[in-house]
N, C-alpha and C. Protein backbone atom coordinates (compact mmCIF):
# COMPACT_ATOMS: atom_id res chain seq x y z
N MET A 1 163.97 240.23 142.38
CA MET A 1 163.34 238.92 142.23
C MET A 1 162.63 239.12 143.95
N ILE A 2 162.81 239.43 145.02
CA ILE A 2 162.09 239.84 145.63
C ILE A 2 162.76 241.75 146.11
N THR A 3 161.55 242.01 146.86
CA THR A 3 162.35 243.46 147.84
C THR A 3 162.30 243.41 149.33
N ASN A 4 162.85 244.63 150.06
CA ASN A 4 162.91 244.67 151.51
C ASN A 4 161.40 244.19 151.67
N LYS A 5 160.20 244.47 151.17
CA LYS A 5 158.79 244.52 151.33
C LYS A 5 158.41 243.35 151.14
N ASP A 6 159.05 242.35 150.83
CA ASP A 6 158.85 240.85 151.16
C ASP A 6 159.06 240.47 151.89
N LEU A 7 160.88 240.83 152.35
CA LEU A 7 161.28 240.44 153.37
C LEU A 7 160.89 240.96 154.84
N LEU A 8 160.10 241.94 154.68
CA LEU A 8 159.43 242.03 155.80
C LEU A 8 158.32 242.02 156.19
N LYS A 9 157.27 240.78 155.18
CA LYS A 9 156.29 240.41 155.23
C LYS A 9 157.24 238.56 156.36
N GLU A 10 157.93 237.98 156.19
CA GLU A 10 158.58 236.95 157.34
C GLU A 10 159.37 237.56 158.38
N ILE A 11 160.05 239.01 158.51
CA ILE A 11 160.47 239.23 159.62
C ILE A 11 160.21 240.52 159.60
N SER A 12 160.07 241.07 161.12
CA SER A 12 160.28 242.70 161.80
C SER A 12 161.24 243.44 161.01
N GLU A 13 160.64 244.91 160.87
CA GLU A 13 162.22 245.51 160.38
C GLU A 13 163.26 246.05 161.28
N THR A 14 163.30 245.94 162.71
CA THR A 14 163.85 245.99 163.53
C THR A 14 164.85 244.57 163.44
N GLU A 15 164.67 243.32 163.23
CA GLU A 15 165.02 242.02 163.08
C GLU A 15 166.23 242.33 161.91
N LEU A 16 165.66 242.72 160.87
CA LEU A 16 166.26 243.07 159.35
C LEU A 16 167.29 244.11 159.28
N ALA A 17 167.28 245.20 160.21
CA ALA A 17 168.24 246.06 160.67
C ALA A 17 169.31 245.63 161.00
N GLN A 18 168.52 244.71 162.41
CA GLN A 18 170.24 244.23 163.23
C GLN A 18 170.62 243.26 161.93
N LEU A 19 169.83 242.01 161.40
CA LEU A 19 170.61 241.05 160.54
C LEU A 19 171.65 242.16 159.47
N SER A 20 171.19 243.02 159.20
CA SER A 20 172.14 243.71 157.96
C SER A 20 173.36 244.95 158.30
N ASP A 21 172.98 245.04 159.98
CA ASP A 21 173.89 245.88 160.28
C ASP A 21 175.51 244.85 160.74
N LEU A 22 176.43 244.69 160.22
CA LEU A 22 176.75 244.21 160.09
C LEU A 22 178.29 245.29 161.19
N ASN A 23 178.29 246.16 160.32
CA ASN A 23 179.16 247.78 161.06
C ASN A 23 178.72 247.94 162.42
N ALA A 24 177.46 247.72 162.63
CA ALA A 24 177.33 248.43 164.26
C ALA A 24 176.81 249.99 164.27
N THR A 25 176.34 250.27 162.78
CA THR A 25 176.46 251.90 162.55
C THR A 25 174.72 252.13 162.74
N GLY A 26 173.73 251.19 163.06
CA GLY A 26 172.37 251.51 163.48
C GLY A 26 171.24 251.59 162.40
N GLU A 27 172.02 251.11 161.39
CA GLU A 27 170.86 251.31 160.26
C GLU A 27 171.17 250.05 159.29
N LEU A 28 169.63 250.60 158.59
CA LEU A 28 169.81 249.18 157.81
C LEU A 28 170.76 249.07 156.55
N ASN A 29 171.31 248.07 156.50
CA ASN A 29 172.87 248.27 154.91
C ASN A 29 172.11 247.29 153.95
N GLN A 30 171.79 247.99 152.77
CA GLN A 30 170.78 247.69 151.86
C GLN A 30 172.05 246.43 150.86
N GLU A 31 173.32 247.19 151.12
CA GLU A 31 174.38 246.07 150.45
C GLU A 31 174.40 244.62 150.55
N VAL A 32 174.13 244.56 152.41
CA VAL A 32 174.37 243.48 153.05
C VAL A 32 173.56 242.28 152.39
N ILE A 33 171.95 242.94 152.57
CA ILE A 33 170.85 242.57 152.42
C ILE A 33 170.67 241.79 150.22
N ASP A 34 171.26 242.55 149.82
CA ASP A 34 171.65 242.15 148.52
C ASP A 34 172.70 241.48 148.38
N ASP A 35 174.17 241.51 149.03
CA ASP A 35 174.61 240.39 149.51
C ASP A 35 174.00 238.70 149.58
N ALA A 36 172.81 238.94 150.64
CA ALA A 36 172.17 237.52 151.24
C ALA A 36 171.47 237.30 149.87
N LEU A 37 170.75 238.00 149.42
CA LEU A 37 170.28 237.69 148.18
C LEU A 37 170.84 236.84 146.97
N ASN A 38 171.87 237.76 146.54
CA ASN A 38 172.33 237.09 145.84
C ASN A 38 172.88 235.81 146.15
N ASP A 39 173.58 235.20 147.24
CA ASP A 39 173.67 234.51 147.85
C ASP A 39 172.54 233.38 147.60
N ALA A 40 171.04 233.46 148.22
CA ALA A 40 170.39 232.61 148.34
C ALA A 40 169.93 232.42 146.61
N ILE A 41 169.65 233.29 145.96
CA ILE A 41 169.65 232.94 144.29
C ILE A 41 170.53 231.75 144.23
N SER A 42 172.15 232.23 144.26
CA SER A 42 172.70 231.12 143.90
C SER A 42 172.66 229.74 144.21
N PHE A 43 171.98 229.70 145.20
CA PHE A 43 171.56 228.42 146.10
C PHE A 43 170.44 227.74 145.10
N ILE A 44 169.54 228.63 145.29
CA ILE A 44 168.46 228.03 144.48
C ILE A 44 168.63 227.90 143.10
N GLU A 45 169.25 228.48 142.87
CA GLU A 45 169.97 228.49 141.17
C GLU A 45 170.36 227.14 140.60
N SER A 46 170.96 226.28 142.12
CA SER A 46 171.66 225.32 141.67
C SER A 46 170.44 223.60 141.60
N PHE A 47 169.35 224.28 141.74
CA PHE A 47 168.39 223.20 141.70
C PHE A 47 167.46 223.79 140.50
N ILE A 48 166.81 225.15 140.25
CA ILE A 48 166.41 225.45 139.40
C ILE A 48 166.61 226.24 138.50
N MET A 49 166.00 226.99 137.11
CA MET A 49 166.15 228.03 136.67
C MET A 49 165.05 229.56 137.20
N LEU A 50 165.57 230.12 137.63
CA LEU A 50 164.17 231.43 138.19
C LEU A 50 163.60 231.85 136.82
N PRO A 51 162.69 231.86 136.98
CA PRO A 51 161.65 232.68 136.00
C PRO A 51 162.03 234.27 136.01
N THR A 52 161.99 234.42 134.58
CA THR A 52 162.36 235.86 133.96
C THR A 52 160.93 236.87 135.06
N ASP A 53 159.75 236.36 134.82
CA ASP A 53 158.86 237.53 135.21
C ASP A 53 157.47 236.72 135.70
N GLU A 54 157.06 237.03 136.90
CA GLU A 54 156.23 236.30 137.76
C GLU A 54 156.55 234.60 138.20
N PRO A 55 157.06 235.02 139.11
CA PRO A 55 157.52 233.47 140.16
C PRO A 55 156.13 233.19 140.60
N THR A 56 156.10 232.11 141.13
CA THR A 56 155.03 231.79 142.04
C THR A 56 155.08 232.36 143.29
N PRO A 57 154.10 232.60 144.18
CA PRO A 57 154.11 232.74 145.94
C PRO A 57 154.88 231.99 146.47
N LEU A 58 154.79 230.52 146.37
CA LEU A 58 156.10 229.46 147.03
C LEU A 58 157.31 229.79 146.48
N LEU A 59 157.64 230.39 145.52
CA LEU A 59 158.93 230.21 144.98
C LEU A 59 159.47 231.77 145.71
N LYS A 60 158.63 232.81 145.62
CA LYS A 60 158.98 233.97 146.54
C LYS A 60 159.33 233.74 148.01
N LYS A 61 158.79 232.78 148.55
CA LYS A 61 158.81 232.56 149.79
C LYS A 61 159.81 231.88 150.30
N VAL A 62 160.41 230.93 149.10
CA VAL A 62 161.20 230.25 149.32
C VAL A 62 162.78 231.19 149.45
N VAL A 63 162.81 231.96 148.49
CA VAL A 63 163.60 233.11 147.95
C VAL A 63 163.90 233.92 149.85
N CYS A 64 162.71 234.28 150.57
CA CYS A 64 162.32 235.21 150.99
C CYS A 64 163.55 234.43 152.53
N ASP A 65 163.00 233.19 152.35
CA ASP A 65 163.20 232.32 153.61
C ASP A 65 164.92 231.88 153.54
N MET A 66 165.92 231.62 152.23
CA MET A 66 166.62 231.44 152.11
C MET A 66 167.79 232.62 152.19
N THR A 67 167.17 234.12 151.97
CA THR A 67 167.86 235.21 152.23
C THR A 67 168.09 235.26 153.37
N ILE A 68 166.80 234.90 154.23
CA ILE A 68 166.91 235.32 155.97
C ILE A 68 168.16 234.68 156.40
N TYR A 69 167.76 233.17 155.79
CA TYR A 69 169.16 232.12 156.50
C TYR A 69 170.09 232.65 156.01
N GLU A 70 170.86 233.04 154.70
CA GLU A 70 172.28 234.08 154.79
C GLU A 70 172.47 235.30 155.52
N LEU A 71 171.44 235.83 155.99
CA LEU A 71 171.26 237.13 156.79
C LEU A 71 171.83 236.53 158.43
N ARG A 72 170.79 235.54 158.88
CA ARG A 72 171.75 234.80 159.78
C ARG A 72 173.01 233.94 160.08
N ARG A 73 172.73 233.35 158.75
CA ARG A 73 174.52 232.71 158.66
C ARG A 73 175.44 233.87 158.90
N LYS A 74 175.55 234.75 158.43
CA LYS A 74 176.61 236.27 158.37
C LYS A 74 177.23 235.92 159.81
N ASN A 75 175.50 236.44 160.62
CA ASN A 75 176.05 236.82 162.34
C ASN A 75 175.80 236.00 162.88
N ASP A 76 176.29 234.48 162.46
CA ASP A 76 176.45 233.31 162.93
C ASP A 76 175.32 233.53 164.19
N LEU A 77 174.01 233.49 163.51
CA LEU A 77 172.61 233.11 164.52
C LEU A 77 172.23 231.80 163.87
N LEU A 78 172.43 230.93 163.20
CA LEU A 78 171.84 229.88 162.85
C LEU A 78 170.97 229.21 164.22
N GLY A 79 169.50 229.07 164.34
CA GLY A 79 169.01 227.19 164.88
C GLY A 79 168.60 226.43 164.61
N ASP A 80 168.39 225.45 165.34
CA ASP A 80 167.88 224.36 164.36
C ASP A 80 166.39 224.88 164.14
N LYS A 81 165.49 225.83 163.87
CA LYS A 81 164.99 225.99 163.46
C LYS A 81 164.93 226.68 162.58
N ASP A 82 165.94 227.22 161.48
CA ASP A 82 166.52 227.78 160.43
C ASP A 82 166.78 226.30 159.69
N LYS A 83 167.53 225.49 160.38
CA LYS A 83 168.58 224.62 159.47
C LYS A 83 167.09 223.59 159.31
N GLU A 84 165.66 223.39 159.75
CA GLU A 84 164.82 222.93 159.40
C GLU A 84 164.06 223.32 158.48
N LEU A 85 164.19 224.78 158.30
CA LEU A 85 163.22 225.19 157.09
C LEU A 85 164.29 225.57 156.71
N LYS A 86 165.83 225.33 156.15
CA LYS A 86 166.25 225.31 155.12
C LYS A 86 166.19 224.02 154.41
N LYS A 87 165.97 222.50 155.33
CA LYS A 87 165.34 221.32 154.58
C LYS A 87 164.48 221.55 154.21
N GLU A 88 163.24 222.06 154.39
CA GLU A 88 161.98 222.41 154.06
C GLU A 88 162.38 223.01 152.75
N ASN A 89 163.13 224.07 152.48
CA ASN A 89 162.65 224.82 151.61
C ASN A 89 163.33 223.63 150.07
N GLU A 90 164.69 223.05 150.89
CA GLU A 90 165.39 222.18 149.71
C GLU A 90 164.01 221.30 148.83
N SER A 91 163.65 220.79 149.79
CA SER A 91 162.76 219.74 149.38
C SER A 91 161.52 220.12 148.32
N TYR A 92 161.04 221.42 148.50
CA TYR A 92 160.31 222.19 147.63
C TYR A 92 161.13 222.64 145.79
N LEU A 93 162.43 222.95 146.77
CA LEU A 93 162.57 222.69 145.38
C LEU A 93 163.67 221.63 144.61
N ASN A 94 163.99 220.97 145.37
CA ASN A 94 163.64 219.52 144.82
C ASN A 94 162.30 219.21 143.61
N ARG A 95 161.40 219.31 144.15
CA ARG A 95 160.17 219.11 143.48
C ARG A 95 160.06 220.02 142.18
N MET A 96 160.32 221.67 142.74
CA MET A 96 160.68 221.89 141.43
C MET A 96 160.89 222.20 140.57
N SER A 97 162.65 220.93 140.84
CA SER A 97 163.47 220.73 139.74
C SER A 97 162.67 219.51 138.59
N MET A 98 162.14 218.76 139.96
CA MET A 98 161.05 217.19 138.89
C MET A 98 160.27 217.99 138.19
N GLY A 99 159.73 218.74 138.36
CA GLY A 99 158.47 219.73 137.43
C GLY A 99 157.14 219.61 138.39
N LYS A 100 156.82 218.85 139.35
CA LYS A 100 155.88 218.39 140.30
C LYS A 100 155.40 220.00 141.14
N LEU A 101 156.45 220.73 141.23
CA LEU A 101 155.50 222.70 141.71
C LEU A 101 155.99 222.97 140.50
N ARG A 102 155.15 224.01 140.36
CA ARG A 102 155.46 225.38 139.61
C ARG A 102 156.33 226.34 139.82
N THR A 103 156.88 227.23 139.20
CA THR A 103 158.01 227.78 139.37
C THR A 103 157.43 229.26 138.97
N GLN A 104 156.11 229.27 137.82
CA GLN A 104 156.04 230.91 137.18
C GLN A 104 154.52 230.17 137.13
N LYS A 105 153.78 231.40 137.08
CA LYS A 105 152.59 231.68 137.35
C LYS A 105 152.07 231.43 136.01
N ILE A 106 150.90 231.05 136.09
CA ILE A 106 150.56 230.70 134.59
C ILE A 106 149.62 232.37 134.01
N ALA A 107 149.74 232.74 133.46
CA ALA A 107 148.73 233.90 132.45
C ALA A 107 147.66 233.80 132.65
N ASN A 108 146.79 233.67 132.13
CA ASN A 108 145.24 232.96 131.86
C ASN A 108 144.93 231.58 132.34
N SER A 109 145.21 231.41 133.33
CA SER A 109 145.20 230.21 134.09
C SER A 109 143.54 230.03 134.77
N THR A 110 142.93 229.16 134.20
CA THR A 110 141.53 228.30 134.47
C THR A 110 141.39 227.38 135.02
N VAL A 111 140.49 226.99 135.89
CA VAL A 111 140.32 225.80 136.38
C VAL A 111 140.00 224.73 135.43
N PRO A 112 140.55 223.69 135.39
CA PRO A 112 140.50 222.54 134.07
C PRO A 112 138.49 221.89 134.29
N VAL A 113 137.67 221.90 133.78
CA VAL A 113 136.55 221.23 133.64
C VAL A 113 136.39 220.25 134.13
N GLU A 114 135.57 219.76 135.36
CA GLU A 114 135.65 218.33 135.44
C GLU A 114 135.28 216.96 134.02
N ASN A 115 135.95 216.27 134.58
CA ASN A 115 135.55 215.00 133.13
C ASN A 115 134.33 214.39 133.91
N LYS A 116 133.13 214.35 132.74
CA LYS A 116 131.95 214.12 133.32
C LYS A 116 131.74 212.58 132.90
N SER A 117 132.80 211.92 132.39
CA SER A 117 132.38 210.77 132.06
C SER A 117 133.24 209.49 133.15
N PHE A 118 131.98 208.78 133.93
CA PHE A 118 132.59 208.28 134.70
C PHE A 118 132.61 206.76 134.33
N ALA A 119 133.48 205.97 135.49
CA ALA A 119 133.23 204.62 135.09
C ALA A 119 131.72 203.98 135.63
N PHE A 120 130.96 204.08 136.12
CA PHE A 120 129.57 203.56 136.30
C PHE A 120 128.77 204.92 136.86
N ARG A 121 127.48 204.23 135.54
CA ARG A 121 126.98 206.30 135.70
C ARG A 121 125.27 205.66 136.35
N HIS A 122 125.12 205.99 137.42
CA HIS A 122 124.09 205.92 138.08
C HIS A 122 122.73 206.72 137.84
N LYS A 123 121.70 205.82 137.35
CA LYS A 123 120.15 206.53 137.51
C LYS A 123 120.02 207.05 138.66
N ASN A 124 119.25 208.33 138.71
CA ASN A 124 118.79 208.70 139.98
C ASN A 124 117.18 208.21 140.06
N LYS A 125 117.23 207.77 141.49
CA LYS A 125 115.70 207.90 141.61
C LYS A 125 115.21 205.89 140.66
N ARG A 126 116.14 205.28 140.63
CA ARG A 126 115.29 204.21 140.21
C ARG A 126 114.90 203.07 141.16
N ARG A 127 114.06 202.77 141.03
CA ARG A 127 113.33 202.00 142.26
C ARG A 127 113.61 200.36 141.71
N VAL A 128 113.80 199.60 142.59
CA VAL A 128 113.59 197.82 142.28
C VAL A 128 112.26 197.33 142.19
N ASN A 129 111.39 196.51 141.69
CA ASN A 129 110.39 196.17 141.57
C ASN A 129 110.51 194.96 142.49
N THR A 130 109.84 194.75 143.75
CA THR A 130 110.14 193.64 144.53
C THR A 130 109.12 193.15 144.51
N LYS A 131 107.93 193.43 143.80
CA LYS A 131 106.46 192.20 143.50
C LYS A 131 107.00 190.57 143.33
N GLY A 132 106.40 189.82 144.04
CA GLY A 132 106.24 188.17 143.70
C GLY A 132 108.24 188.04 143.87
N PHE A 133 108.87 188.55 144.63
CA PHE A 133 109.55 187.73 145.20
C PHE A 133 109.16 187.79 146.83
N ARG A 134 108.07 187.61 147.49
CA ARG A 134 107.08 187.21 148.20
C ARG A 134 106.32 185.81 148.44
């Protein structure tokens, strides 16, 4: 669903290496990142079913945020900002589960044509004749 490149859009490479380096080897540990990603996906799937292809950018961001949250949780580095971000992402997931937000991109999406039937129709530049009223 996401890659390390997507995670690097949210945090720096050194921070990702520090969060994933649970054994203090000084290197990026892909197994720890994959484990955090699987934990995040499990949490997200408790709300919605993940699409098989073409998730929306918002859903990708939620997956990235939750993966970073799980990495910080494993290192006992959670702060108030992280908890607020998790609540915000949970609200997005709630809206996705109710169908208010999309989870998958539409292949040939076009902007809907504006409805031209209005309740009141106004004629342009029509003036009222005021002769005889004075």
